[in-house]
């Protein structure tokens, strides 16, 4: 719910412009804006209002210092970073741009941001759940799973979406979502392997949990560290690692709960090659829905995501996964920035759903899985590859900003 987040005594001390800046910053953080982008865009808006400002944002704290002709005011707020919401970020960016150009007043901008914050999601829960299930099924195909494993991952994706809906409805802390979802995903995959049909339960569990694996948060955290936002980067990195470990905690408990349920197929089957191409198209659309991007934004999201995937697959056989990750991120970043320049839209619209296909969250999961099985060397190797690939992605994104400078900050 939209509110100024200020008590009445504090509201009286702030001008309308300062109160608006605080509210706008809270809204942008609520929809997953990285710290380096939030701080830059809010300083630009404040400058257009004649206010000298400094914004310091981490996933758990927002510190704002605002100075006008009258006085300097510093406000500290405890915040919780939300999930990326592409549609609301897009609409909020439009409002802030119109305010900068003096096309609307502060009060009008405040009312429009209030309407954006209170607006319903662009898709009903049924569509969201279907997108989660489709992304899990498509990832099972990309992991070279069989038809049976595809169907099992789809079922687990629906279960994870249902758990998320129940948790949200009960108002419980989101930290409970990861271990519960991990436990359910692992138990369901093991039960299918034991009582219905043999399958690779670990592949199915990984694919079924792909929506919750914090690979994107890890990449954003390393980006923040690379551009000098150390407090935000460290906080986000710690949060991503804890989320991954609590997610895997539920999986590990399930594996100890039913150790004899694992039944692997005698002759593992792979899906046809043309299924891979269908999955490559389905994945970006599914994640576009998960990130609440409207249908009008799907073509550019699919185009940028496919560009990154094609570049990665073209480079991989010749130069290895590190160079392929760098090149793919460079292509995605250049494509997103080009779209932002041509259409005067935030690059995050295309960048976020496209990057989720490239982020190394699966390697982090496999690292913990190997360590649990006492395969220390393999676990350390997977963990190292997780960090290495994430840094390659960050390097590609930063290079893309130099090759095709973004027109917009978001």
Protein backbone atom coordinates (compact mmCIF):
# COMPACT_ATOMS: atom_id res chain seq x y z
CA UNK A 1 0.00 0.00 0.00
CA UNK A 2 1.24 3.47 -0.89
CA UNK A 3 2.05 5.71 2.01
CA UNK A 4 4.61 8.38 2.65
CA UNK A 5 6.29 6.20 5.30
CA UNK A 6 6.61 9.30 7.51
CA UNK A 7 5.08 9.93 10.89
CA UNK A 8 3.14 13.17 11.20
CA UNK A 9 5.89 14.99 13.13
CA UNK A 10 8.42 14.21 10.42
CA UNK A 11 6.03 15.11 7.61
CA UNK A 12 5.69 18.59 9.03
CA UNK A 13 9.45 19.07 8.82
CA UNK A 14 9.68 18.07 5.14
CA UNK A 15 8.66 20.09 2.14
CA UNK A 16 6.39 18.47 -0.43
CA UNK A 17 9.35 17.95 -2.77
CA UNK A 18 11.46 16.22 -0.11
CA UNK A 19 8.58 14.00 0.97
CA UNK A 20 7.98 13.05 -2.66
CA UNK A 21 11.64 12.13 -3.17
CA UNK A 22 11.54 9.86 -0.14
CA UNK A 23 8.35 8.17 -1.32
CA UNK A 24 9.65 7.73 -4.86
CA UNK A 25 12.89 6.17 -3.62
CA UNK A 26 10.94 3.75 -1.42
CA UNK A 27 8.80 2.76 -4.40
CA UNK A 28 11.76 2.16 -6.72
CA UNK A 29 13.51 -0.03 -4.18
CA UNK A 30 10.28 -1.96 -3.63
CA UNK A 31 10.33 -3.07 -7.26
CA UNK A 32 13.87 -4.34 -7.34
CA UNK A 33 15.92 -1.40 -8.61
CA UNK A 34 19.67 -1.98 -8.06
CA UNK A 35 21.37 0.53 -5.77
CA UNK A 36 23.60 2.13 -8.41
CA UNK A 37 20.61 2.81 -10.66
CA UNK A 38 18.29 3.97 -7.85
CA UNK A 39 20.81 6.44 -6.45
CA UNK A 40 21.58 7.95 -9.86
CA UNK A 41 17.98 8.34 -10.98
CA UNK A 42 16.84 9.84 -7.67
CA UNK A 43 19.72 12.34 -7.62
CA UNK A 44 18.72 13.39 -11.13
CA UNK A 45 15.07 13.86 -10.12
CA UNK A 46 16.08 15.79 -7.00
CA UNK A 47 18.32 18.07 -9.08
CA UNK A 48 15.41 18.85 -11.40
CA UNK A 49 13.41 19.94 -8.32
CA UNK A 50 16.18 22.25 -7.15
CA UNK A 51 17.25 20.01 -4.26
CA UNK A 52 20.84 18.96 -3.64
CA UNK A 53 20.71 15.36 -2.47
CA UNK A 54 22.68 12.26 -1.60
CA UNK A 55 21.04 8.81 -1.68
CA UNK A 56 22.62 5.80 -0.01
CA UNK A 57 20.72 2.58 -0.61
CA UNK A 58 21.32 -1.00 0.48
CA UNK A 59 18.79 -3.86 0.37
CA UNK A 60 17.98 -3.18 4.04
CA UNK A 61 18.52 0.56 4.53
CA UNK A 62 17.82 3.84 2.75
CA UNK A 63 19.64 7.01 3.82
CA UNK A 64 18.73 10.29 2.11
CA UNK A 65 20.28 13.70 2.67
CA UNK A 66 18.38 16.56 1.00
CA UNK A 67 19.36 20.22 0.99
CA UNK A 68 17.40 23.13 -0.44
CA UNK A 69 17.48 26.89 0.10
CA UNK A 70 15.98 26.52 3.59
CA UNK A 71 17.75 23.64 5.33
CA UNK A 72 19.37 20.24 5.03
CA UNK A 73 17.38 17.17 6.06
CA UNK A 74 18.62 13.63 6.55
CA UNK A 75 16.18 10.71 6.65
CA UNK A 76 17.00 7.07 7.51
CA UNK A 77 14.59 4.27 6.67
CA UNK A 78 14.65 0.50 7.25
CA UNK A 79 13.66 -1.10 3.94
CA UNK A 80 13.29 -4.56 2.46
CA UNK A 81 14.24 -4.96 -1.18
CA UNK A 82 11.42 -6.39 -3.26
CA UNK A 83 11.33 -8.59 -6.34
CA UNK A 84 11.81 -7.08 -9.77
CA UNK A 85 8.52 -5.73 -11.17
CA UNK A 86 9.21 -4.65 -14.74
CA UNK A 87 5.82 -3.08 -15.46
CA UNK A 88 5.72 -0.85 -12.38
CA UNK A 89 9.35 0.19 -12.85
CA UNK A 90 8.52 1.14 -16.43
CA UNK A 91 5.48 3.21 -15.43
CA UNK A 92 7.25 4.85 -12.48
CA UNK A 93 10.14 5.84 -14.75
CA UNK A 94 7.68 7.53 -17.10
CA UNK A 95 6.19 9.55 -14.24
CA UNK A 96 9.61 10.66 -12.99
CA UNK A 97 10.65 11.65 -16.50
CA UNK A 98 7.54 13.78 -16.97
CA UNK A 99 8.21 15.42 -13.61
CA UNK A 100 11.78 16.23 -14.67
CA UNK A 101 10.47 17.87 -17.85
CA UNK A 102 8.01 19.95 -15.75
CA UNK A 103 5.04 18.40 -17.57
CA UNK A 104 3.35 17.50 -14.27
CA UNK A 105 3.47 18.89 -10.75
CA UNK A 106 4.79 17.13 -7.68
CA UNK A 107 1.25 16.46 -6.47
CA UNK A 108 0.26 14.96 -9.82
CA UNK A 109 3.39 12.80 -9.84
CA UNK A 110 2.63 11.64 -6.30
CA UNK A 111 -0.94 10.69 -7.27
CA UNK A 112 0.25 8.79 -10.34
CA UNK A 113 2.87 6.88 -8.36
CA UNK A 114 0.17 6.04 -5.83
CA UNK A 115 -2.01 4.63 -8.60
CA UNK A 116 0.92 2.60 -9.94
CA UNK A 117 1.70 1.19 -6.51
CA UNK A 118 -1.90 0.20 -5.87
CA UNK A 119 -2.56 -1.21 -9.34
CA UNK A 120 -3.23 -4.91 -9.77
CA UNK A 121 -0.58 -7.17 -11.33
CA UNK A 122 -0.80 -7.37 -15.14
CA UNK A 123 -1.43 -11.13 -14.93
CA UNK A 124 -3.69 -13.18 -12.65
CA UNK A 125 -2.15 -15.79 -10.40
CA UNK A 126 -3.12 -18.62 -12.75
CA UNK A 127 -1.03 -17.10 -15.54
CA UNK A 128 1.85 -16.42 -13.14
CA UNK A 129 1.77 -20.04 -11.91
CA UNK A 130 1.68 -21.32 -15.48
CA UNK A 131 4.71 -19.17 -16.31
CA UNK A 132 6.62 -20.56 -13.33
CA UNK A 133 5.76 -24.10 -14.40
CA UNK A 134 6.70 -23.40 -18.02
CA UNK A 135 10.07 -21.93 -17.03
CA UNK A 136 10.84 -24.98 -14.89
CA UNK A 137 9.86 -27.38 -17.69
CA UNK A 138 11.91 -25.43 -20.23
CA UNK A 139 14.95 -25.46 -17.95
CA UNK A 140 14.58 -29.24 -17.55
CA UNK A 141 14.84 -29.49 -21.34
CA UNK A 142 17.89 -27.21 -21.40
CA UNK A 143 19.46 -29.43 -18.72
CA UNK A 144 18.96 -32.35 -21.17
CA UNK A 145 16.15 -33.94 -19.20
CA UNK A 146 13.71 -36.47 -20.62
CA UNK A 147 10.00 -35.98 -21.25
CA UNK A 148 9.21 -37.51 -17.86
CA UNK A 149 11.60 -35.11 -16.14
CA UNK A 150 10.09 -32.21 -18.05
CA UNK A 151 6.60 -33.09 -16.76
CA UNK A 152 7.90 -33.57 -13.22
CA UNK A 153 9.66 -30.19 -13.26
CA UNK A 154 6.46 -28.58 -14.54
CA UNK A 155 4.51 -30.12 -11.65
CA UNK A 156 7.07 -28.92 -9.10
CA UNK A 157 6.97 -25.42 -10.63
CA UNK A 158 3.22 -25.34 -9.99
CA UNK A 159 3.79 -26.51 -6.41
CA UNK A 160 6.40 -23.79 -5.79
CA UNK A 161 4.06 -21.12 -7.17
CA UNK A 162 1.29 -22.43 -4.90
CA UNK A 163 3.57 -22.35 -1.85
CA UNK A 164 4.55 -18.78 -2.69
CA UNK A 165 0.88 -17.80 -2.96
CA UNK A 166 0.00 -19.42 0.39
CA UNK A 167 2.98 -17.81 2.10
CA UNK A 168 2.03 -14.41 0.70
CA UNK A 169 -1.60 -14.84 1.74
CA UNK A 170 -0.67 -15.79 5.29
CA UNK A 171 1.67 -12.83 5.57
CA UNK A 172 4.57 -15.00 6.68
CA UNK A 173 8.16 -13.98 6.28
CA UNK A 174 9.56 -14.71 2.84
CA UNK A 175 12.55 -16.43 4.45
CA UNK A 176 10.28 -19.41 5.14
CA UNK A 177 9.53 -19.81 1.43
CA UNK A 178 12.97 -21.14 0.43
CA UNK A 179 13.35 -24.10 2.83
CA UNK A 180 9.72 -25.17 2.47
CA UNK A 181 9.84 -24.96 -1.32
CA UNK A 182 13.18 -26.81 -1.40
CA UNK A 183 11.83 -29.60 0.79
CA UNK A 184 8.62 -30.00 -1.23
CA UNK A 185 10.46 -29.95 -4.57
CA UNK A 186 12.94 -32.62 -3.47
CA UNK A 187 10.29 -34.85 -1.85
CA UNK A 188 7.98 -34.65 -4.88
CA UNK A 189 10.78 -35.50 -7.32
CA UNK A 190 11.94 -38.40 -5.13
CA UNK A 191 8.37 -39.68 -4.74
CA UNK A 192 7.83 -39.64 -8.52
CA UNK A 193 11.10 -41.55 -9.01
CA UNK A 194 10.21 -44.11 -6.32
CA UNK A 195 6.50 -44.70 -6.87
CA UNK A 196 5.71 -43.66 -10.47
CA UNK A 197 8.63 -43.72 -12.91
CA UNK A 198 12.43 -43.61 -12.46
CA UNK A 199 14.00 -40.23 -13.20
CA UNK A 200 16.94 -38.01 -12.30
CA UNK A 201 15.43 -36.41 -9.19
CA UNK A 202 18.32 -33.98 -8.75
CA UNK A 203 17.90 -32.56 -12.23
CA UNK A 204 14.14 -32.25 -11.66
CA UNK A 205 14.60 -30.57 -8.27
CA UNK A 206 17.06 -28.05 -9.71
CA UNK A 207 14.77 -27.25 -12.64
CA UNK A 208 11.71 -27.01 -10.37
CA UNK A 209 13.41 -24.51 -8.07
CA UNK A 210 15.00 -22.37 -10.78
CA UNK A 211 12.60 -19.46 -10.13
CA UNK A 212 13.78 -19.22 -6.52
CA UNK A 213 17.52 -19.73 -7.05
CA UNK A 214 19.08 -16.27 -6.49
CA UNK A 215 21.41 -16.21 -9.48
CA UNK A 216 20.19 -12.78 -10.56
CA UNK A 217 20.71 -11.35 -7.06
CA UNK A 218 24.26 -12.70 -7.08
CA UNK A 219 25.01 -11.03 -10.41
CA UNK A 220 23.45 -7.72 -9.31
CA UNK A 221 25.46 -7.84 -6.07
CA UNK A 222 28.74 -8.32 -7.94
CA UNK A 223 27.75 -5.49 -10.32
CA UNK A 224 27.21 -3.18 -7.36
CA UNK A 225 30.59 -4.14 -5.95
CA UNK A 226 32.26 -3.58 -9.32
CA UNK A 227 30.87 -0.04 -9.64
CA UNK A 228 31.88 0.91 -6.09
CA UNK A 229 28.60 0.46 -4.19
CA UNK A 230 30.30 -1.67 -1.56
CA UNK A 231 27.72 -1.62 1.24
CA UNK A 232 24.85 -2.47 -1.11
CA UNK A 233 26.88 -5.12 -2.93
CA UNK A 234 28.05 -6.87 0.23
CA UNK A 235 24.54 -6.84 1.72
CA UNK A 236 22.94 -8.18 -1.45
CA UNK A 237 25.66 -10.81 -1.89
CA UNK A 238 25.16 -12.02 1.68
CA UNK A 239 21.41 -12.14 1.14
CA UNK A 240 21.78 -14.14 -2.08
CA UNK A 241 24.10 -16.67 -0.44
CA UNK A 242 21.81 -17.09 2.57
CA UNK A 243 18.78 -17.53 0.27
CA UNK A 244 20.63 -20.21 -1.68
CA UNK A 245 21.69 -22.02 1.48
CA UNK A 246 18.22 -21.95 3.06
CA UNK A 247 16.75 -23.19 -0.21
CA UNK A 248 19.22 -26.04 -0.29
CA UNK A 249 18.60 -26.74 3.41
CA UNK A 250 15.08 -27.86 2.55
CA UNK A 251 16.43 -30.03 -0.26
CA UNK A 252 19.06 -31.61 2.01
CA UNK A 253 16.47 -32.43 4.68
CA UNK A 254 14.33 -34.14 2.03
CA UNK A 255 17.28 -36.20 0.84
CA UNK A 256 17.95 -37.35 4.41
CA UNK A 257 14.22 -37.93 4.97
CA UNK A 258 13.87 -40.34 2.04
CA UNK A 259 17.36 -41.65 1.20
CA UNK A 260 16.05 -44.86 -0.38
CA UNK A 261 13.59 -43.22 -2.75
CA UNK A 262 16.18 -42.30 -5.39
CA UNK A 263 15.62 -44.49 -8.45
CA UNK A 264 17.53 -43.46 -11.57
CA UNK A 265 16.47 -44.63 -15.04
CA UNK A 266 18.52 -47.49 -16.47
CA UNK A 267 18.76 -45.83 -19.87
CA UNK A 268 18.60 -42.02 -19.50
CA UNK A 269 16.70 -40.45 -22.37
CA UNK A 270 17.35 -37.02 -23.83
CA UNK A 271 14.83 -34.73 -25.48
CA UNK A 272 15.10 -34.06 -29.24
CA UNK A 273 17.29 -31.18 -30.33
CA UNK A 274 14.36 -29.17 -31.67
CA UNK A 275 12.87 -29.19 -28.15
CA UNK A 276 15.89 -27.18 -27.05
CA UNK A 277 14.97 -24.39 -29.45
CA UNK A 278 11.37 -24.35 -28.26
CA UNK A 279 12.62 -24.14 -24.67
CA UNK A 280 14.91 -21.24 -25.59
CA UNK A 281 11.87 -19.27 -26.79
CA UNK A 282 9.64 -20.30 -23.87
CA UNK A 283 12.14 -19.38 -21.12
CA UNK A 284 12.36 -15.60 -21.77
CA UNK A 285 8.58 -15.30 -22.21
CA UNK A 286 7.98 -17.23 -18.99
CA UNK A 287 10.41 -15.07 -17.04
CA UNK A 288 8.91 -11.95 -18.60
CA UNK A 289 5.60 -12.97 -17.01
CA UNK A 290 7.31 -13.83 -13.71
CA UNK A 291 8.85 -10.35 -13.66
CA UNK A 292 5.45 -8.82 -14.56
CA UNK A 293 6.39 -7.46 -17.99
CA UNK A 294 3.40 -6.70 -20.21
CA UNK A 295 2.79 -8.48 -23.51
CA UNK A 296 3.83 -5.41 -25.53
CA UNK A 297 7.33 -5.82 -24.03
CA UNK A 298 7.67 -9.51 -24.90
CA UNK A 299 9.16 -9.09 -28.43
CA UNK A 300 12.16 -7.07 -27.24
CA UNK A 301 12.66 -9.36 -24.23
CA UNK A 302 12.66 -12.47 -26.44
CA UNK A 303 14.90 -10.80 -29.04
CA UNK A 304 17.50 -9.69 -26.47
CA UNK A 305 17.39 -13.03 -24.61
CA UNK A 306 17.77 -15.02 -27.85
CA UNK A 307 20.66 -12.78 -28.86
CA UNK A 308 22.46 -13.57 -25.62
CA UNK A 309 21.76 -17.30 -25.90
CA UNK A 310 22.88 -17.51 -29.53
CA UNK A 311 26.09 -15.60 -28.78
CA UNK A 312 26.79 -17.84 -25.80
CA UNK A 313 26.25 -21.05 -27.75
CA UNK A 314 28.29 -19.80 -30.68
CA UNK A 315 31.29 -18.80 -28.56
CA UNK A 316 31.20 -21.69 -26.03
CA UNK A 317 32.70 -24.46 -28.23
CA UNK A 318 35.70 -22.33 -29.16
CA UNK A 319 36.59 -20.25 -26.10
CA UNK A 320 34.95 -21.87 -23.09
CA UNK A 321 32.20 -20.90 -20.67
CA UNK A 322 33.95 -17.81 -19.28
CA UNK A 323 34.36 -16.04 -22.61
CA UNK A 324 30.90 -17.22 -23.67
CA UNK A 325 29.34 -15.70 -20.54
CA UNK A 326 31.18 -12.41 -21.09
CA UNK A 327 30.15 -12.25 -24.75
CA UNK A 328 26.53 -13.14 -23.98
CA UNK A 329 26.28 -10.46 -21.27
CA UNK A 330 27.89 -7.96 -23.63
CA UNK A 331 25.32 -8.79 -26.31
CA UNK A 332 22.40 -8.60 -23.85
CA UNK A 333 23.64 -5.32 -22.40
CA UNK A 334 24.19 -3.74 -25.83
CA UNK A 335 20.78 -4.94 -27.02
CA UNK A 336 19.03 -3.59 -23.92
CA UNK A 337 20.83 -0.23 -24.10
CA UNK A 338 20.08 0.07 -27.82
CA UNK A 339 16.40 -0.59 -27.12
CA UNK A 340 16.50 2.04 -24.36
CA UNK A 341 18.04 4.60 -26.74
CA UNK A 342 15.70 3.90 -29.66
CA UNK A 343 12.45 3.69 -27.67
CA UNK A 344 13.35 5.97 -24.74
CA UNK A 345 12.51 3.22 -22.28
CA UNK A 346 14.41 1.79 -19.27
CA UNK A 347 17.01 -0.80 -20.28
CA UNK A 348 15.95 -2.92 -17.27
CA UNK A 349 12.79 -3.90 -19.19
CA UNK A 350 14.78 -6.13 -21.54
CA UNK A 351 17.88 -6.64 -19.42
CA UNK A 352 16.43 -8.36 -16.35
CA UNK A 353 14.40 -11.17 -18.00
CA UNK A 354 17.17 -11.76 -20.54
CA UNK A 355 19.92 -12.01 -17.91
CA UNK A 356 18.03 -14.58 -15.83
CA UNK A 357 18.74 -17.15 -18.55
CA UNK A 358 22.50 -16.53 -18.23
CA UNK A 359 23.02 -16.20 -14.46
CA UNK A 360 24.97 -19.02 -12.75
CA UNK A 361 22.52 -19.94 -10.00
CA UNK A 362 22.48 -23.59 -11.06
CA UNK A 363 26.24 -23.84 -10.44
CA UNK A 364 25.79 -22.57 -6.89
CA UNK A 365 23.10 -25.19 -6.25
CA UNK A 366 25.31 -27.94 -7.66
CA UNK A 367 28.19 -26.76 -5.51
CA UNK A 368 26.16 -27.24 -2.33
CA UNK A 369 24.85 -30.57 -3.62
CA UNK A 370 28.38 -31.86 -4.23
CA UNK A 371 29.58 -30.68 -0.83
CA UNK A 372 26.65 -32.47 0.84
CA UNK A 373 27.73 -35.68 -0.89
CA UNK A 374 31.29 -35.18 0.44
CA UNK A 375 32.57 -34.44 -3.06
CA UNK A 376 34.64 -31.54 -1.79
CA UNK A 377 36.77 -30.90 -4.85
CA UNK A 378 33.80 -30.94 -7.20
CA UNK A 379 31.83 -28.70 -4.85
CA UNK A 380 34.65 -26.16 -4.66
CA UNK A 381 34.98 -26.24 -8.46
CA UNK A 382 31.27 -25.54 -8.92
CA UNK A 383 31.45 -22.71 -6.38
CA UNK A 384 34.45 -21.19 -8.14
CA UNK A 385 32.68 -21.43 -11.50
CA UNK A 386 29.65 -19.70 -9.96
CA UNK A 387 31.71 -16.67 -8.95
CA UNK A 388 33.80 -16.71 -12.14
CA UNK A 389 30.78 -16.81 -14.46
CA UNK A 390 29.02 -14.12 -12.44
CA UNK A 391 32.07 -11.86 -12.74
CA UNK A 392 32.23 -12.53 -16.49
CA UNK A 393 28.58 -11.49 -16.77
CA UNK A 394 29.29 -8.35 -14.77
CA UNK A 395 32.26 -7.54 -17.00
CA UNK A 396 30.11 -7.97 -20.09
CA UNK A 397 27.38 -5.71 -18.74
CA UNK A 398 29.82 -2.96 -17.74
CA UNK A 399 31.54 -3.16 -21.12
CA UNK A 400 28.18 -2.89 -22.88
CA UNK A 401 27.56 0.44 -21.13
CA UNK A 402 30.76 1.75 -22.70
CA UNK A 403 30.03 0.31 -26.16
CA UNK A 404 26.38 1.47 -26.25
CA UNK A 405 25.94 4.13 -23.54
CA UNK A 406 22.46 3.91 -22.01
CA UNK A 407 20.18 6.86 -22.62
CA UNK A 408 18.17 6.20 -19.48
CA UNK A 409 19.43 5.40 -15.99
CA UNK A 410 16.93 2.65 -15.16
